[in-house]
């Protein structure tokens, strides 16, 4: 019998590779953003999320968090599509977050307020991995890196 909620595994620090964070509610899932902000370590500013829906599909999320500016971005990858959040304006800098020290690039207009990042993660959980309409989504292909 499938679980009544999606199975989510999150890693943004080395100890999470063996023992990932496993939120069991939308609120716990969204709270990961606050944990990343509290750590305040740019080398851990990107969380990799493996999301197994109750329907049996697999989704991978990349969640970038820039706590000092209260901004972040989300990458959503499924078998059908790859989408990035779309912010209201483009950054004047290259947008990337550090995944264990390795850069993960995002579109320059992908950053949104962290409250919207948390709301979007909570909605993803509640919608069992379906793309929520809490933010605008865009396609992007990194041709520079």
Protein backbone atom coordinates (compact mmCIF):
# COMPACT_ATOMS: atom_id res chain seq x y z
CA UNK A 1 0.00 0.00 0.00
CA UNK A 2 1.49 3.41 -0.96
CA UNK A 3 2.30 6.01 1.67
CA UNK A 4 -0.44 8.60 2.26
CA UNK A 5 2.03 11.40 1.51
CA UNK A 6 4.95 11.85 -0.88
CA UNK A 7 8.35 10.45 0.11
CA UNK A 8 10.92 13.23 0.14
CA UNK A 9 14.67 13.02 0.75
CA UNK A 10 16.73 16.21 1.05
CA UNK A 11 20.48 16.77 1.18
CA UNK A 12 22.42 20.03 1.51
CA UNK A 13 25.14 19.00 3.97
CA UNK A 14 27.54 16.06 3.95
CA UNK A 15 25.78 14.18 6.76
CA UNK A 16 22.56 14.28 4.72
CA UNK A 17 24.13 12.04 2.08
CA UNK A 18 23.79 9.05 4.43
CA UNK A 19 20.90 10.40 6.47
CA UNK A 20 18.76 12.70 4.33
CA UNK A 21 16.13 14.95 5.82
CA UNK A 22 12.75 13.23 5.38
CA UNK A 23 9.91 15.72 5.85
CA UNK A 24 6.48 14.23 6.42
CA UNK A 25 4.41 17.37 5.95
CA UNK A 26 4.30 20.46 3.75
CA UNK A 27 5.40 22.60 6.70
CA UNK A 28 8.43 20.38 7.40
CA UNK A 29 9.36 20.48 3.72
CA UNK A 30 9.19 24.28 3.57
CA UNK A 31 11.14 24.60 6.85
CA UNK A 32 14.25 23.26 5.12
CA UNK A 33 14.70 26.73 3.61
CA UNK A 34 14.98 28.19 7.12
CA UNK A 35 17.58 25.54 8.02
CA UNK A 36 19.71 26.53 5.03
CA UNK A 37 19.42 30.21 5.96
CA UNK A 38 20.40 29.45 9.59
CA UNK A 39 23.55 27.61 8.50
CA UNK A 40 24.64 30.67 6.48
CA UNK A 41 27.24 28.72 4.49
CA UNK A 42 27.34 29.48 0.77
CA UNK A 43 28.85 26.03 0.08
CA UNK A 44 25.54 24.59 1.35
CA UNK A 45 23.20 27.03 -0.42
CA UNK A 46 21.66 24.38 -2.70
CA UNK A 47 19.49 21.48 -1.60
CA UNK A 48 18.97 18.41 -3.76
CA UNK A 49 15.51 16.96 -3.26
CA UNK A 50 14.40 13.50 -4.39
CA UNK A 51 10.62 13.42 -4.44
CA UNK A 52 8.63 10.20 -4.89
CA UNK A 53 4.94 10.87 -5.42
CA UNK A 54 2.16 8.65 -4.17
CA UNK A 55 1.41 8.04 -7.89
CA UNK A 56 4.82 6.40 -8.32
CA UNK A 57 6.58 9.12 -10.31
CA UNK A 58 9.98 10.53 -9.41
CA UNK A 59 10.85 14.22 -9.36
CA UNK A 60 14.14 15.92 -8.64
CA UNK A 61 14.20 19.44 -7.26
CA UNK A 62 17.10 21.81 -6.85
CA UNK A 63 16.45 24.51 -4.27
CA UNK A 64 18.84 27.45 -4.14
CA UNK A 65 18.82 29.76 -1.11
CA UNK A 66 20.55 33.13 -0.76
CA UNK A 67 19.60 33.89 2.83
CA UNK A 68 21.32 37.26 3.17
CA UNK A 69 19.24 38.67 0.30
CA UNK A 70 16.11 36.67 1.21
CA UNK A 71 16.05 35.20 -2.31
CA UNK A 72 15.98 31.73 -3.76
CA UNK A 73 15.09 29.69 -6.82
CA UNK A 74 13.72 26.23 -7.61
CA UNK A 75 14.56 23.79 -10.38
CA UNK A 76 11.85 21.18 -11.07
CA UNK A 77 12.76 18.08 -13.11
CA UNK A 78 10.38 15.27 -13.97
CA UNK A 79 10.27 12.72 -16.79
CA UNK A 80 8.07 15.14 -18.73
CA UNK A 81 9.62 18.55 -18.11
CA UNK A 82 12.30 20.74 -16.61
CA UNK A 83 11.26 24.12 -15.22
CA UNK A 84 12.79 26.94 -13.21
CA UNK A 85 11.05 29.55 -11.13
CA UNK A 86 10.66 32.91 -12.84
CA UNK A 87 11.19 36.03 -10.77
CA UNK A 88 9.91 39.52 -11.38
CA UNK A 89 13.24 40.89 -12.63
CA UNK A 90 16.59 39.67 -13.84
CA UNK A 91 19.60 39.76 -11.56
CA UNK A 92 22.57 41.89 -12.59
CA UNK A 93 24.83 39.00 -11.61
CA UNK A 94 25.15 35.39 -12.65
CA UNK A 95 22.73 33.32 -10.56
CA UNK A 96 24.17 30.18 -9.00
CA UNK A 97 24.12 28.32 -5.73
CA UNK A 98 26.71 25.97 -4.24
CA UNK A 99 25.94 22.25 -4.13
CA UNK A 100 28.69 20.97 -1.81
CA UNK A 101 30.90 23.71 -3.24
CA UNK A 102 29.96 23.03 -6.89
CA UNK A 103 28.02 25.72 -8.78
CA UNK A 104 24.45 25.04 -9.88
CA UNK A 105 23.41 27.69 -12.37
CA UNK A 106 19.94 29.18 -12.75
CA UNK A 107 18.42 31.69 -15.16
CA UNK A 108 19.18 35.30 -14.24
CA UNK A 109 15.47 35.94 -13.73
CA UNK A 110 14.79 32.87 -11.58
CA UNK A 111 15.13 34.33 -8.09
CA UNK A 112 12.04 34.87 -5.96
CA UNK A 113 11.45 35.89 -2.35
CA UNK A 114 12.19 33.08 0.15
CA UNK A 115 8.61 33.20 1.45
CA UNK A 116 7.48 32.30 -2.08
CA UNK A 117 10.11 29.53 -2.24
CA UNK A 118 8.71 28.06 0.99
CA UNK A 119 5.10 28.43 -0.19
CA UNK A 120 5.98 26.71 -3.47
CA UNK A 121 7.71 23.81 -1.71
CA UNK A 122 4.72 23.39 0.60
CA UNK A 123 2.38 23.43 -2.41
CA UNK A 124 4.53 20.84 -4.23
CA UNK A 125 4.17 18.56 -1.22
CA UNK A 126 0.42 19.13 -0.95
CA UNK A 127 -0.05 18.62 -4.71
CA UNK A 128 1.94 15.36 -4.61
CA UNK A 129 4.67 16.72 -6.88
CA UNK A 130 2.51 18.50 -9.43
CA UNK A 131 3.73 21.96 -10.47
CA UNK A 132 1.93 24.54 -8.34
CA UNK A 133 0.77 27.91 -9.62
CA UNK A 134 2.21 29.75 -6.61
CA UNK A 135 4.96 31.02 -8.95
CA UNK A 136 5.55 31.43 -12.64
CA UNK A 137 7.70 28.71 -14.26
CA UNK A 138 10.06 28.90 -17.24
CA UNK A 139 12.18 26.68 -19.43
CA UNK A 140 15.90 27.39 -19.66
CA UNK A 141 18.95 25.80 -21.19
CA UNK A 142 22.34 26.80 -19.81
CA UNK A 143 24.46 27.50 -22.89
CA UNK A 144 27.31 29.24 -21.07
CA UNK A 145 28.67 26.59 -18.68
